[in-house]
N, C-alpha and C. Protein backbone atom coordinates (compact mmCIF):
# COMPACT_ATOMS: atom_id res chain seq x y z
N MET A 1 64.55 -54.17 40.99
CA MET A 1 63.14 -54.10 41.37
C MET A 1 62.62 -52.69 41.20
N THR A 2 61.35 -52.55 40.84
CA THR A 2 60.72 -51.24 40.72
C THR A 2 60.54 -50.61 42.09
N PRO A 3 61.01 -49.39 42.29
CA PRO A 3 60.84 -48.76 43.61
C PRO A 3 59.37 -48.58 43.93
N ARG A 4 59.05 -48.61 45.22
CA ARG A 4 57.68 -48.48 45.66
C ARG A 4 57.55 -47.29 46.60
N HIS A 5 56.39 -46.70 46.58
CA HIS A 5 56.09 -45.58 47.48
C HIS A 5 55.60 -46.13 48.81
N PRO A 6 56.01 -45.50 49.94
CA PRO A 6 55.47 -45.93 51.23
C PRO A 6 53.94 -45.86 51.20
N ALA A 7 53.32 -46.86 51.80
CA ALA A 7 51.86 -46.96 51.73
C ALA A 7 51.20 -45.75 52.38
N LEU A 8 50.20 -45.20 51.70
CA LEU A 8 49.38 -44.13 52.25
C LEU A 8 48.01 -44.71 52.58
N SER A 9 47.42 -44.22 53.64
CA SER A 9 46.10 -44.70 54.04
C SER A 9 45.03 -44.12 53.12
N THR A 10 43.84 -44.71 53.17
CA THR A 10 42.73 -44.19 52.37
C THR A 10 42.39 -42.75 52.71
N PRO A 11 42.34 -42.36 54.00
CA PRO A 11 42.10 -40.94 54.31
C PRO A 11 43.19 -40.02 53.75
N GLU A 12 44.43 -40.49 53.72
CA GLU A 12 45.50 -39.66 53.17
C GLU A 12 45.34 -39.48 51.66
N TRP A 13 45.00 -40.54 50.95
CA TRP A 13 44.72 -40.41 49.52
C TRP A 13 43.54 -39.48 49.28
N ALA A 14 42.51 -39.59 50.15
CA ALA A 14 41.34 -38.73 50.02
C ALA A 14 41.71 -37.27 50.22
N PHE A 15 42.62 -37.00 51.16
CA PHE A 15 43.09 -35.63 51.39
C PHE A 15 43.85 -35.12 50.17
N ILE A 16 44.74 -35.94 49.64
CA ILE A 16 45.56 -35.53 48.49
C ILE A 16 44.69 -35.22 47.27
N GLY A 17 43.63 -35.98 47.07
CA GLY A 17 42.73 -35.72 45.94
C GLY A 17 41.65 -34.71 46.25
N GLY A 18 41.21 -34.65 47.51
CA GLY A 18 40.10 -33.78 47.87
C GLY A 18 40.46 -32.31 47.91
N VAL A 19 41.67 -32.00 48.38
CA VAL A 19 42.09 -30.60 48.46
C VAL A 19 42.08 -29.92 47.10
N PRO A 20 42.73 -30.49 46.07
CA PRO A 20 42.67 -29.83 44.75
C PRO A 20 41.28 -29.82 44.15
N LEU A 21 40.47 -30.84 44.44
CA LEU A 21 39.11 -30.86 43.91
C LEU A 21 38.30 -29.69 44.46
N LEU A 22 38.33 -29.50 45.77
CA LEU A 22 37.57 -28.41 46.38
C LEU A 22 38.14 -27.05 45.98
N TRP A 23 39.46 -26.96 45.87
CA TRP A 23 40.08 -25.70 45.45
C TRP A 23 39.66 -25.36 44.02
N GLY A 24 39.67 -26.36 43.15
CA GLY A 24 39.27 -26.11 41.77
C GLY A 24 37.83 -25.64 41.66
N ILE A 25 36.94 -26.24 42.46
CA ILE A 25 35.54 -25.80 42.47
C ILE A 25 35.44 -24.35 42.93
N LEU A 26 36.18 -24.01 43.99
CA LEU A 26 36.17 -22.64 44.48
C LEU A 26 36.62 -21.66 43.40
N LEU A 27 37.66 -22.00 42.66
CA LEU A 27 38.21 -21.09 41.66
C LEU A 27 37.25 -20.85 40.49
N LEU A 28 36.30 -21.74 40.30
CA LEU A 28 35.31 -21.52 39.24
C LEU A 28 34.48 -20.26 39.50
N PHE A 29 34.44 -19.81 40.75
CA PHE A 29 33.65 -18.63 41.13
C PHE A 29 34.51 -17.38 41.27
N HIS A 30 35.77 -17.46 40.80
CA HIS A 30 36.70 -16.33 40.90
C HIS A 30 36.25 -15.19 40.00
N PRO A 31 35.92 -14.01 40.57
CA PRO A 31 35.57 -12.87 39.71
C PRO A 31 36.75 -12.44 38.86
N MET A 32 36.47 -11.92 37.69
CA MET A 32 37.53 -11.55 36.76
C MET A 32 37.75 -10.04 36.78
N ALA A 33 39.02 -9.65 36.75
CA ALA A 33 39.40 -8.24 36.64
C ALA A 33 40.60 -8.16 35.71
N ASP A 34 40.59 -7.15 34.83
CA ASP A 34 41.67 -7.07 33.83
C ASP A 34 42.93 -6.40 34.35
N GLY A 35 42.89 -5.88 35.58
CA GLY A 35 44.07 -5.24 36.16
C GLY A 35 44.21 -3.78 35.84
N GLU A 36 43.46 -3.30 34.84
CA GLU A 36 43.56 -1.90 34.44
C GLU A 36 42.59 -1.01 35.20
N THR A 37 41.42 -1.54 35.51
CA THR A 37 40.40 -0.78 36.24
C THR A 37 39.80 -1.69 37.32
N ILE A 38 40.59 -2.00 38.31
CA ILE A 38 40.21 -3.00 39.30
C ILE A 38 38.92 -2.61 40.03
N TYR A 39 38.82 -1.35 40.43
CA TYR A 39 37.63 -0.96 41.19
C TYR A 39 36.37 -1.11 40.35
N LEU A 40 36.41 -0.63 39.11
CA LEU A 40 35.24 -0.71 38.25
C LEU A 40 34.86 -2.16 37.95
N ASP A 41 35.86 -3.03 37.83
CA ASP A 41 35.59 -4.43 37.54
C ASP A 41 34.96 -5.16 38.73
N LEU A 42 35.33 -4.75 39.94
CA LEU A 42 34.97 -5.54 41.11
C LEU A 42 34.03 -4.85 42.09
N GLN A 43 33.60 -3.63 41.80
CA GLN A 43 32.80 -2.90 42.78
C GLN A 43 31.50 -3.61 43.13
N ASP A 44 30.98 -4.41 42.22
CA ASP A 44 29.73 -5.13 42.49
C ASP A 44 29.97 -6.61 42.81
N GLN A 45 31.24 -6.98 42.99
CA GLN A 45 31.56 -8.39 43.24
C GLN A 45 32.44 -8.55 44.48
N VAL A 46 32.28 -7.68 45.44
CA VAL A 46 33.15 -7.70 46.62
C VAL A 46 33.00 -9.00 47.40
N THR A 47 31.77 -9.43 47.61
CA THR A 47 31.56 -10.64 48.42
C THR A 47 32.16 -11.88 47.78
N PRO A 48 31.87 -12.20 46.50
CA PRO A 48 32.51 -13.38 45.91
C PRO A 48 34.02 -13.24 45.84
N TRP A 49 34.52 -12.03 45.60
CA TRP A 49 35.97 -11.80 45.56
C TRP A 49 36.61 -12.17 46.90
N LEU A 50 36.01 -11.69 48.00
CA LEU A 50 36.57 -11.97 49.32
C LEU A 50 36.44 -13.45 49.69
N VAL A 51 35.29 -14.05 49.35
CA VAL A 51 35.10 -15.47 49.66
C VAL A 51 36.14 -16.33 48.95
N VAL A 52 36.35 -16.07 47.66
CA VAL A 52 37.31 -16.86 46.89
C VAL A 52 38.72 -16.68 47.44
N HIS A 53 39.10 -15.45 47.76
CA HIS A 53 40.47 -15.22 48.19
C HIS A 53 40.72 -15.64 49.64
N LEU A 54 39.70 -15.59 50.47
CA LEU A 54 39.83 -16.19 51.79
C LEU A 54 40.01 -17.70 51.66
N GLY A 55 39.26 -18.30 50.75
CA GLY A 55 39.44 -19.73 50.48
C GLY A 55 40.82 -20.04 49.94
N GLN A 56 41.32 -19.16 49.08
CA GLN A 56 42.67 -19.34 48.54
C GLN A 56 43.70 -19.43 49.66
N MET A 57 43.54 -18.56 50.66
CA MET A 57 44.50 -18.55 51.77
C MET A 57 44.45 -19.84 52.58
N LEU A 58 43.32 -20.54 52.52
CA LEU A 58 43.22 -21.85 53.17
C LEU A 58 43.80 -22.95 52.30
N PHE A 59 43.46 -22.92 51.00
CA PHE A 59 43.84 -24.02 50.12
C PHE A 59 45.31 -23.99 49.70
N ILE A 60 45.94 -22.84 49.68
CA ILE A 60 47.35 -22.79 49.30
C ILE A 60 48.20 -23.63 50.24
N PRO A 61 48.16 -23.40 51.56
CA PRO A 61 48.96 -24.27 52.45
C PRO A 61 48.47 -25.71 52.47
N LEU A 62 47.16 -25.94 52.33
CA LEU A 62 46.66 -27.31 52.30
C LEU A 62 47.18 -28.07 51.08
N PHE A 63 47.26 -27.37 49.95
CA PHE A 63 47.79 -28.03 48.75
C PHE A 63 49.26 -28.35 48.92
N ALA A 64 50.01 -27.44 49.54
CA ALA A 64 51.42 -27.71 49.81
C ALA A 64 51.57 -28.94 50.70
N VAL A 65 50.70 -29.07 51.70
CA VAL A 65 50.72 -30.25 52.58
C VAL A 65 50.39 -31.51 51.79
N ALA A 66 49.43 -31.42 50.87
CA ALA A 66 49.04 -32.58 50.06
C ALA A 66 50.21 -33.08 49.22
N VAL A 67 50.93 -32.17 48.57
CA VAL A 67 52.09 -32.58 47.76
C VAL A 67 53.18 -33.14 48.65
N ALA A 68 53.42 -32.50 49.79
CA ALA A 68 54.43 -33.00 50.73
C ALA A 68 54.06 -34.40 51.23
N LEU A 69 52.78 -34.63 51.47
CA LEU A 69 52.33 -35.94 51.91
C LEU A 69 52.59 -36.99 50.84
N LEU A 70 52.38 -36.61 49.59
CA LEU A 70 52.64 -37.51 48.48
C LEU A 70 54.13 -37.88 48.41
N LEU A 71 54.98 -36.99 48.89
CA LEU A 71 56.43 -37.21 48.87
C LEU A 71 56.95 -37.86 50.15
N ARG A 72 56.06 -38.17 51.07
CA ARG A 72 56.51 -38.73 52.34
C ARG A 72 57.30 -40.02 52.12
N GLY A 73 58.49 -40.08 52.69
CA GLY A 73 59.33 -41.25 52.55
C GLY A 73 60.10 -41.33 51.26
N VAL A 74 59.92 -40.37 50.34
CA VAL A 74 60.64 -40.37 49.07
C VAL A 74 61.94 -39.60 49.24
N ALA A 75 63.04 -40.23 48.93
CA ALA A 75 64.36 -39.62 49.11
C ALA A 75 64.84 -38.99 47.80
N GLY A 76 66.03 -38.42 47.85
CA GLY A 76 66.64 -37.88 46.65
C GLY A 76 66.62 -36.36 46.58
N THR A 77 67.47 -35.82 45.72
CA THR A 77 67.61 -34.37 45.58
C THR A 77 66.31 -33.73 45.08
N ALA A 78 65.64 -34.36 44.12
CA ALA A 78 64.42 -33.79 43.56
C ALA A 78 63.35 -33.65 44.65
N ALA A 79 63.24 -34.64 45.52
CA ALA A 79 62.25 -34.56 46.60
C ALA A 79 62.57 -33.42 47.54
N ARG A 80 63.85 -33.21 47.84
CA ARG A 80 64.25 -32.11 48.73
C ARG A 80 63.97 -30.76 48.07
N VAL A 81 64.26 -30.65 46.77
CA VAL A 81 63.97 -29.41 46.05
C VAL A 81 62.47 -29.13 46.09
N SER A 82 61.67 -30.16 45.91
CA SER A 82 60.22 -29.97 45.92
C SER A 82 59.74 -29.47 47.28
N ARG A 83 60.26 -30.04 48.35
CA ARG A 83 59.82 -29.62 49.69
C ARG A 83 60.19 -28.16 49.96
N VAL A 84 61.37 -27.75 49.52
CA VAL A 84 61.77 -26.35 49.69
C VAL A 84 60.87 -25.44 48.86
N GLY A 85 60.60 -25.84 47.61
CA GLY A 85 59.73 -25.05 46.75
C GLY A 85 58.34 -24.89 47.33
N LEU A 86 57.84 -25.94 47.99
CA LEU A 86 56.51 -25.87 48.60
C LEU A 86 56.46 -24.83 49.72
N VAL A 87 57.55 -24.70 50.46
CA VAL A 87 57.61 -23.69 51.52
C VAL A 87 57.53 -22.29 50.92
N PHE A 88 58.31 -22.04 49.87
CA PHE A 88 58.28 -20.73 49.22
C PHE A 88 56.89 -20.45 48.65
N PHE A 89 56.27 -21.46 48.04
CA PHE A 89 54.93 -21.30 47.51
C PHE A 89 53.93 -20.94 48.61
N ALA A 90 53.95 -21.70 49.69
CA ALA A 90 52.98 -21.48 50.76
C ALA A 90 53.14 -20.11 51.39
N VAL A 91 54.38 -19.67 51.60
CA VAL A 91 54.63 -18.39 52.28
C VAL A 91 54.34 -17.21 51.36
N PHE A 92 54.95 -17.20 50.17
CA PHE A 92 54.88 -16.01 49.32
C PHE A 92 53.55 -15.91 48.56
N TYR A 93 52.99 -17.06 48.14
CA TYR A 93 51.71 -16.97 47.43
C TYR A 93 50.59 -16.62 48.39
N THR A 94 50.69 -17.08 49.63
CA THR A 94 49.70 -16.69 50.64
C THR A 94 49.80 -15.21 50.95
N ALA A 95 51.03 -14.70 51.02
CA ALA A 95 51.22 -13.26 51.25
C ALA A 95 50.63 -12.45 50.11
N PHE A 96 50.81 -12.92 48.88
CA PHE A 96 50.22 -12.25 47.72
C PHE A 96 48.70 -12.24 47.81
N GLU A 97 48.11 -13.37 48.19
CA GLU A 97 46.66 -13.45 48.32
C GLU A 97 46.15 -12.52 49.42
N LEU A 98 46.88 -12.44 50.51
CA LEU A 98 46.47 -11.58 51.62
C LEU A 98 46.42 -10.12 51.18
N LEU A 99 47.43 -9.68 50.44
CA LEU A 99 47.51 -8.27 50.04
C LEU A 99 46.67 -7.97 48.80
N GLN A 100 46.88 -8.75 47.76
CA GLN A 100 46.17 -8.47 46.50
C GLN A 100 44.70 -8.88 46.57
N GLY A 101 44.42 -10.03 47.17
CA GLY A 101 43.05 -10.49 47.24
C GLY A 101 42.25 -9.86 48.37
N ILE A 102 42.67 -10.12 49.60
CA ILE A 102 41.93 -9.60 50.76
C ILE A 102 42.09 -8.09 50.86
N GLY A 103 43.30 -7.58 50.65
CA GLY A 103 43.53 -6.13 50.74
C GLY A 103 42.67 -5.36 49.76
N ASN A 104 42.65 -5.79 48.51
CA ASN A 104 41.83 -5.11 47.51
C ASN A 104 40.35 -5.23 47.83
N GLY A 105 39.93 -6.39 48.30
CA GLY A 105 38.52 -6.57 48.64
C GLY A 105 38.06 -5.61 49.72
N ILE A 106 38.89 -5.44 50.75
CA ILE A 106 38.55 -4.52 51.83
C ILE A 106 38.53 -3.08 51.33
N LEU A 107 39.52 -2.71 50.52
CA LEU A 107 39.57 -1.35 49.99
C LEU A 107 38.36 -1.05 49.10
N ILE A 108 37.98 -2.00 48.28
CA ILE A 108 36.82 -1.80 47.40
C ILE A 108 35.56 -1.64 48.24
N HIS A 109 35.43 -2.44 49.29
CA HIS A 109 34.27 -2.31 50.17
C HIS A 109 34.22 -0.93 50.81
N VAL A 110 35.37 -0.41 51.23
CA VAL A 110 35.43 0.92 51.85
C VAL A 110 35.05 1.99 50.83
N VAL A 111 35.61 1.90 49.61
CA VAL A 111 35.32 2.90 48.59
C VAL A 111 33.85 2.86 48.19
N ASN A 112 33.24 1.70 48.18
CA ASN A 112 31.80 1.59 47.88
C ASN A 112 30.96 2.40 48.86
N GLY A 113 31.47 2.57 50.07
CA GLY A 113 30.73 3.32 51.08
C GLY A 113 30.96 4.81 51.04
N LEU A 114 31.85 5.28 50.15
CA LEU A 114 32.12 6.71 50.04
C LEU A 114 31.03 7.40 49.21
N PRO A 115 30.88 8.70 49.38
CA PRO A 115 29.99 9.46 48.48
C PRO A 115 30.46 9.30 47.04
N ALA A 116 29.52 9.34 46.11
CA ALA A 116 29.83 9.11 44.70
C ALA A 116 30.94 10.03 44.19
N ALA A 117 30.97 11.27 44.68
CA ALA A 117 31.97 12.23 44.20
C ALA A 117 33.39 11.85 44.62
N GLU A 118 33.54 11.01 45.65
CA GLU A 118 34.86 10.65 46.16
C GLU A 118 35.34 9.29 45.68
N ARG A 119 34.49 8.58 44.97
CA ARG A 119 34.86 7.21 44.59
C ARG A 119 35.96 7.17 43.53
N ALA A 120 36.02 8.19 42.68
CA ALA A 120 37.08 8.20 41.67
C ALA A 120 38.45 8.27 42.33
N THR A 121 38.55 9.08 43.38
CA THR A 121 39.82 9.17 44.12
C THR A 121 40.13 7.84 44.79
N GLY A 122 39.09 7.22 45.38
CA GLY A 122 39.27 5.92 46.01
C GLY A 122 39.71 4.86 45.02
N ALA A 123 39.14 4.91 43.81
CA ALA A 123 39.52 3.96 42.77
C ALA A 123 40.99 4.11 42.40
N ASP A 124 41.48 5.35 42.36
CA ASP A 124 42.89 5.58 42.05
C ASP A 124 43.79 5.01 43.15
N VAL A 125 43.34 5.14 44.39
CA VAL A 125 44.12 4.58 45.51
C VAL A 125 44.21 3.06 45.38
N ILE A 126 43.09 2.43 45.06
CA ILE A 126 43.08 0.97 44.89
C ILE A 126 44.00 0.55 43.75
N GLN A 127 43.93 1.30 42.64
CA GLN A 127 44.77 0.96 41.49
C GLN A 127 46.24 1.09 41.84
N GLY A 128 46.58 2.15 42.55
CA GLY A 128 47.97 2.33 42.96
C GLY A 128 48.44 1.24 43.90
N PHE A 129 47.58 0.83 44.84
CA PHE A 129 47.91 -0.25 45.75
C PHE A 129 48.14 -1.55 44.99
N SER A 130 47.28 -1.84 44.01
CA SER A 130 47.38 -3.09 43.25
C SER A 130 48.62 -3.14 42.37
N GLU A 131 49.12 -1.98 41.98
CA GLU A 131 50.27 -1.95 41.08
C GLU A 131 51.59 -1.82 41.83
N ASN A 132 51.54 -1.93 43.16
CA ASN A 132 52.77 -1.93 43.95
C ASN A 132 53.66 -3.08 43.51
N VAL A 133 54.96 -2.85 43.46
CA VAL A 133 55.90 -3.84 42.93
C VAL A 133 55.85 -5.15 43.71
N LEU A 134 55.46 -5.11 44.97
CA LEU A 134 55.43 -6.33 45.77
C LEU A 134 54.22 -7.19 45.47
N ILE A 135 53.09 -6.59 45.11
CA ILE A 135 51.84 -7.36 45.07
C ILE A 135 51.12 -7.34 43.73
N ARG A 136 51.63 -6.65 42.72
CA ARG A 136 50.94 -6.68 41.43
C ARG A 136 51.04 -8.09 40.83
N ASP A 137 50.35 -8.32 39.75
CA ASP A 137 50.23 -9.67 39.19
C ASP A 137 51.59 -10.31 38.88
N MET A 138 52.56 -9.55 38.47
CA MET A 138 53.89 -10.09 38.25
C MET A 138 54.88 -9.51 39.26
N GLY A 139 54.39 -9.20 40.44
CA GLY A 139 55.21 -8.59 41.47
C GLY A 139 56.08 -9.61 42.19
N VAL A 140 56.75 -9.15 43.23
CA VAL A 140 57.75 -9.96 43.93
C VAL A 140 57.11 -11.17 44.58
N PHE A 141 56.06 -10.96 45.36
CA PHE A 141 55.47 -12.06 46.11
C PHE A 141 54.93 -13.16 45.21
N VAL A 142 54.14 -12.77 44.21
CA VAL A 142 53.53 -13.79 43.35
C VAL A 142 54.58 -14.46 42.48
N SER A 143 55.62 -13.75 42.08
CA SER A 143 56.67 -14.35 41.25
C SER A 143 57.44 -15.41 42.03
N ILE A 144 57.82 -15.07 43.27
CA ILE A 144 58.54 -16.05 44.09
C ILE A 144 57.64 -17.24 44.42
N GLY A 145 56.38 -16.96 44.79
CA GLY A 145 55.46 -18.04 45.10
C GLY A 145 55.20 -18.94 43.91
N SER A 146 55.03 -18.35 42.73
CA SER A 146 54.77 -19.13 41.52
C SER A 146 55.98 -19.98 41.15
N LEU A 147 57.17 -19.38 41.22
CA LEU A 147 58.39 -20.14 40.92
C LEU A 147 58.55 -21.29 41.91
N GLY A 148 58.19 -21.03 43.19
CA GLY A 148 58.27 -22.09 44.18
C GLY A 148 57.36 -23.26 43.84
N LEU A 149 56.11 -22.96 43.43
CA LEU A 149 55.17 -24.04 43.10
C LEU A 149 55.60 -24.79 41.85
N ILE A 150 55.97 -24.05 40.80
CA ILE A 150 56.37 -24.71 39.55
C ILE A 150 57.57 -25.62 39.79
N SER A 151 58.57 -25.11 40.53
CA SER A 151 59.75 -25.93 40.83
C SER A 151 59.37 -27.14 41.67
N ALA A 152 58.49 -26.92 42.66
CA ALA A 152 58.08 -28.01 43.53
C ALA A 152 57.34 -29.10 42.77
N MET A 153 56.47 -28.70 41.84
CA MET A 153 55.69 -29.68 41.10
C MET A 153 56.57 -30.49 40.14
N ILE A 154 57.44 -29.80 39.43
CA ILE A 154 58.34 -30.52 38.51
C ILE A 154 59.24 -31.47 39.28
N ALA A 155 59.81 -30.97 40.38
CA ALA A 155 60.71 -31.81 41.18
C ALA A 155 59.97 -32.98 41.82
N ALA A 156 58.73 -32.74 42.27
CA ALA A 156 57.95 -33.83 42.87
C ALA A 156 57.68 -34.93 41.84
N GLY A 157 57.33 -34.53 40.63
CA GLY A 157 57.09 -35.53 39.59
C GLY A 157 58.33 -36.34 39.29
N ILE A 158 59.47 -35.67 39.21
CA ILE A 158 60.73 -36.37 38.95
C ILE A 158 61.05 -37.32 40.09
N ALA A 159 60.87 -36.86 41.32
CA ALA A 159 61.17 -37.69 42.49
C ALA A 159 60.29 -38.94 42.51
N LEU A 160 58.99 -38.77 42.24
CA LEU A 160 58.09 -39.92 42.25
C LEU A 160 58.41 -40.89 41.12
N HIS A 161 58.84 -40.36 40.00
CA HIS A 161 59.21 -41.22 38.87
C HIS A 161 60.48 -42.01 39.17
N ARG A 162 61.48 -41.34 39.74
CA ARG A 162 62.76 -42.00 39.98
C ARG A 162 62.74 -42.93 41.17
N HIS A 163 62.05 -42.53 42.22
CA HIS A 163 62.17 -43.24 43.50
C HIS A 163 60.90 -43.94 43.96
N ALA A 164 59.81 -43.79 43.23
CA ALA A 164 58.57 -44.44 43.66
C ALA A 164 57.85 -45.13 42.52
N GLY A 165 58.50 -45.25 41.37
CA GLY A 165 57.92 -46.01 40.27
C GLY A 165 56.77 -45.35 39.55
N ALA A 166 56.64 -44.02 39.64
CA ALA A 166 55.55 -43.33 38.95
C ALA A 166 55.76 -43.36 37.44
N PRO A 167 54.70 -43.56 36.65
CA PRO A 167 54.83 -43.50 35.20
C PRO A 167 55.29 -42.11 34.75
N VAL A 168 55.82 -42.04 33.53
CA VAL A 168 56.32 -40.77 32.99
C VAL A 168 55.22 -39.73 32.93
N ALA A 169 53.98 -40.17 32.76
CA ALA A 169 52.86 -39.22 32.68
C ALA A 169 52.75 -38.37 33.94
N VAL A 170 53.16 -38.90 35.07
CA VAL A 170 53.02 -38.16 36.33
C VAL A 170 53.86 -36.90 36.36
N PRO A 171 55.19 -36.95 36.11
CA PRO A 171 55.95 -35.69 36.09
C PRO A 171 55.51 -34.73 35.00
N VAL A 172 55.06 -35.24 33.87
CA VAL A 172 54.58 -34.37 32.79
C VAL A 172 53.34 -33.61 33.25
N LEU A 173 52.38 -34.33 33.83
CA LEU A 173 51.15 -33.69 34.29
C LEU A 173 51.41 -32.77 35.47
N PHE A 174 52.31 -33.16 36.35
CA PHE A 174 52.66 -32.29 37.48
C PHE A 174 53.23 -30.97 36.98
N GLY A 175 54.12 -31.03 35.99
CA GLY A 175 54.71 -29.81 35.47
C GLY A 175 53.67 -28.89 34.85
N LEU A 176 52.78 -29.45 34.04
CA LEU A 176 51.70 -28.65 33.45
C LEU A 176 50.80 -28.07 34.54
N ALA A 177 50.48 -28.88 35.54
CA ALA A 177 49.62 -28.42 36.62
C ALA A 177 50.23 -27.24 37.36
N GLY A 178 51.53 -27.30 37.62
CA GLY A 178 52.20 -26.22 38.33
C GLY A 178 52.07 -24.89 37.61
N PHE A 179 52.30 -24.89 36.31
CA PHE A 179 52.19 -23.65 35.53
C PHE A 179 50.76 -23.12 35.55
N LEU A 180 49.79 -23.99 35.38
CA LEU A 180 48.39 -23.55 35.29
C LEU A 180 47.84 -23.08 36.64
N ILE A 181 48.23 -23.74 37.72
CA ILE A 181 47.72 -23.36 39.04
C ILE A 181 48.17 -21.97 39.41
N THR A 182 49.39 -21.59 39.03
CA THR A 182 49.88 -20.26 39.40
C THR A 182 49.09 -19.15 38.72
N ALA A 183 48.51 -19.45 37.55
CA ALA A 183 47.60 -18.49 36.90
C ALA A 183 46.20 -18.89 37.32
N HIS A 184 45.84 -18.64 38.59
CA HIS A 184 44.74 -19.34 39.24
C HIS A 184 43.33 -19.02 38.75
N PRO A 185 42.99 -17.84 38.20
CA PRO A 185 41.60 -17.64 37.75
C PRO A 185 41.22 -18.66 36.67
N PRO A 186 39.93 -18.98 36.55
CA PRO A 186 39.49 -19.95 35.53
C PRO A 186 39.73 -19.40 34.13
N PRO A 187 40.04 -20.27 33.18
CA PRO A 187 40.03 -21.74 33.28
C PRO A 187 41.35 -22.35 33.74
N TYR A 188 42.37 -21.53 33.97
CA TYR A 188 43.72 -22.05 34.18
C TYR A 188 43.86 -22.82 35.49
N GLY A 189 43.53 -22.18 36.61
CA GLY A 189 43.68 -22.84 37.89
C GLY A 189 42.90 -24.14 38.00
N PRO A 190 41.58 -24.13 37.72
CA PRO A 190 40.82 -25.39 37.79
C PRO A 190 41.37 -26.47 36.86
N THR A 191 41.84 -26.08 35.68
CA THR A 191 42.41 -27.06 34.76
C THR A 191 43.68 -27.67 35.34
N GLY A 192 44.55 -26.82 35.89
CA GLY A 192 45.78 -27.33 36.50
C GLY A 192 45.50 -28.27 37.66
N LEU A 193 44.53 -27.94 38.48
CA LEU A 193 44.18 -28.79 39.62
C LEU A 193 43.58 -30.11 39.15
N ALA A 194 42.80 -30.06 38.07
CA ALA A 194 42.25 -31.30 37.49
C ALA A 194 43.38 -32.19 36.97
N LEU A 195 44.39 -31.60 36.34
CA LEU A 195 45.53 -32.38 35.85
C LEU A 195 46.29 -33.02 37.01
N PHE A 196 46.40 -32.28 38.12
CA PHE A 196 47.06 -32.84 39.31
C PHE A 196 46.29 -34.06 39.81
N ILE A 197 44.96 -33.96 39.88
CA ILE A 197 44.14 -35.08 40.35
C ILE A 197 44.32 -36.29 39.43
N VAL A 198 44.34 -36.05 38.12
CA VAL A 198 44.55 -37.14 37.16
C VAL A 198 45.91 -37.79 37.40
N ALA A 199 46.94 -36.97 37.60
CA ALA A 199 48.29 -37.50 37.84
C ALA A 199 48.33 -38.35 39.11
N VAL A 200 47.67 -37.87 40.16
CA VAL A 200 47.62 -38.63 41.42
C VAL A 200 46.91 -39.96 41.20
N ALA A 201 45.82 -39.95 40.44
CA ALA A 201 45.09 -41.19 40.17
C ALA A 201 45.96 -42.18 39.40
N ILE A 202 46.71 -41.68 38.42
CA ILE A 202 47.61 -42.54 37.65
C ILE A 202 48.69 -43.12 38.56
N PHE A 203 49.23 -42.27 39.42
CA PHE A 203 50.28 -42.73 40.33
C PHE A 203 49.74 -43.78 41.30
N ARG A 204 48.58 -43.52 41.87
CA ARG A 204 48.01 -44.47 42.83
C ARG A 204 47.72 -45.80 42.15
N ARG A 205 47.22 -45.75 40.95
CA ARG A 205 46.94 -47.00 40.22
C ARG A 205 48.22 -47.78 39.97
N SER A 206 49.30 -47.05 39.64
CA SER A 206 50.57 -47.74 39.40
C SER A 206 51.09 -48.38 40.68
N GLN A 207 50.78 -47.78 41.82
CA GLN A 207 51.24 -48.33 43.10
C GLN A 207 50.40 -49.51 43.55
N SER A 208 49.14 -49.53 43.15
CA SER A 208 48.25 -50.61 43.59
C SER A 208 48.37 -51.84 42.71
N THR A 209 49.05 -51.70 41.57
CA THR A 209 49.25 -52.84 40.68
C THR A 209 50.49 -53.59 41.10
N GLU A 210 50.31 -54.70 41.71
CA GLU A 210 51.45 -55.48 42.20
C GLU A 210 52.16 -56.14 41.03
N PRO A 211 53.50 -56.00 40.97
CA PRO A 211 54.23 -56.67 39.90
C PRO A 211 54.20 -58.18 40.08
N ALA A 212 54.09 -58.86 38.98
CA ALA A 212 54.11 -60.32 39.03
C ALA A 212 55.53 -60.79 39.23
N ALA A 213 55.82 -61.33 40.40
CA ALA A 213 57.19 -61.74 40.72
C ALA A 213 57.23 -63.26 40.79
N VAL A 214 58.08 -63.88 39.99
CA VAL A 214 58.23 -65.33 39.98
C VAL A 214 59.66 -65.64 40.36
N ALA A 215 59.86 -66.36 41.40
CA ALA A 215 61.20 -66.71 41.85
C ALA A 215 61.73 -67.85 40.98
N VAL A 216 62.86 -67.60 40.32
CA VAL A 216 63.44 -68.59 39.43
C VAL A 216 63.95 -69.76 40.25
N GLY A 217 63.54 -70.95 39.86
CA GLY A 217 64.04 -72.14 40.53
C GLY A 217 63.35 -72.47 41.83
N GLN A 218 62.35 -71.64 42.25
CA GLN A 218 61.66 -71.92 43.49
C GLN A 218 60.49 -72.85 43.22
N PRO A 219 60.42 -73.97 43.90
CA PRO A 219 59.31 -74.91 43.64
C PRO A 219 57.99 -74.32 44.08
N SER A 220 56.96 -74.61 43.32
CA SER A 220 55.64 -74.11 43.68
C SER A 220 55.11 -74.90 44.86
N SER A 221 54.28 -74.26 45.67
CA SER A 221 53.73 -74.92 46.85
C SER A 221 52.65 -75.89 46.42
N ALA A 222 52.55 -76.95 47.14
CA ALA A 222 51.57 -77.99 46.80
C ALA A 222 50.18 -77.52 47.15
């Protein structure tokens, strides 16, 4: 028999689909910075920068909860790997957002308030802070958090395919989504989240389609 996923309620499905939808919309407003001149790139975009990254700190753990909810009742090694990966993602990627996103936003706001002659020094301080090995774009926190999400998404797709009857498209889309979400500025993050929503829709449809079961030799009811 084809394995089945434990039934999720309509509000739970809405949560699983709504979190990535709202997160993807938020990321469309992510200000862009090339990493080489962070202060110059963002000095006039402090408010949207802080709003997006404060939202990131909310949606990162919510997304981890959404994936974990999708795995509720699913057994197997892949499901356990996914749950562990989600913890690393939630902890380390949130820490990266707190330091790189919120930290830089606050520093830029402070430097904006300095006399013009002192802003160059302030810009150097911000650049040095951003290039710290722990919080730069390929630093420790974001690398561990990204690896956690990518591993969690791939493992979740495999677990749903093996133990809950998900079509092959689900693990494929989950894997692509994991890679794209970790590179969160648009178009990558919103695209990855859209792929996740598509995968969830495919999975839910596969679960709502009842297999036609005919008992051999059983007489039909009158």
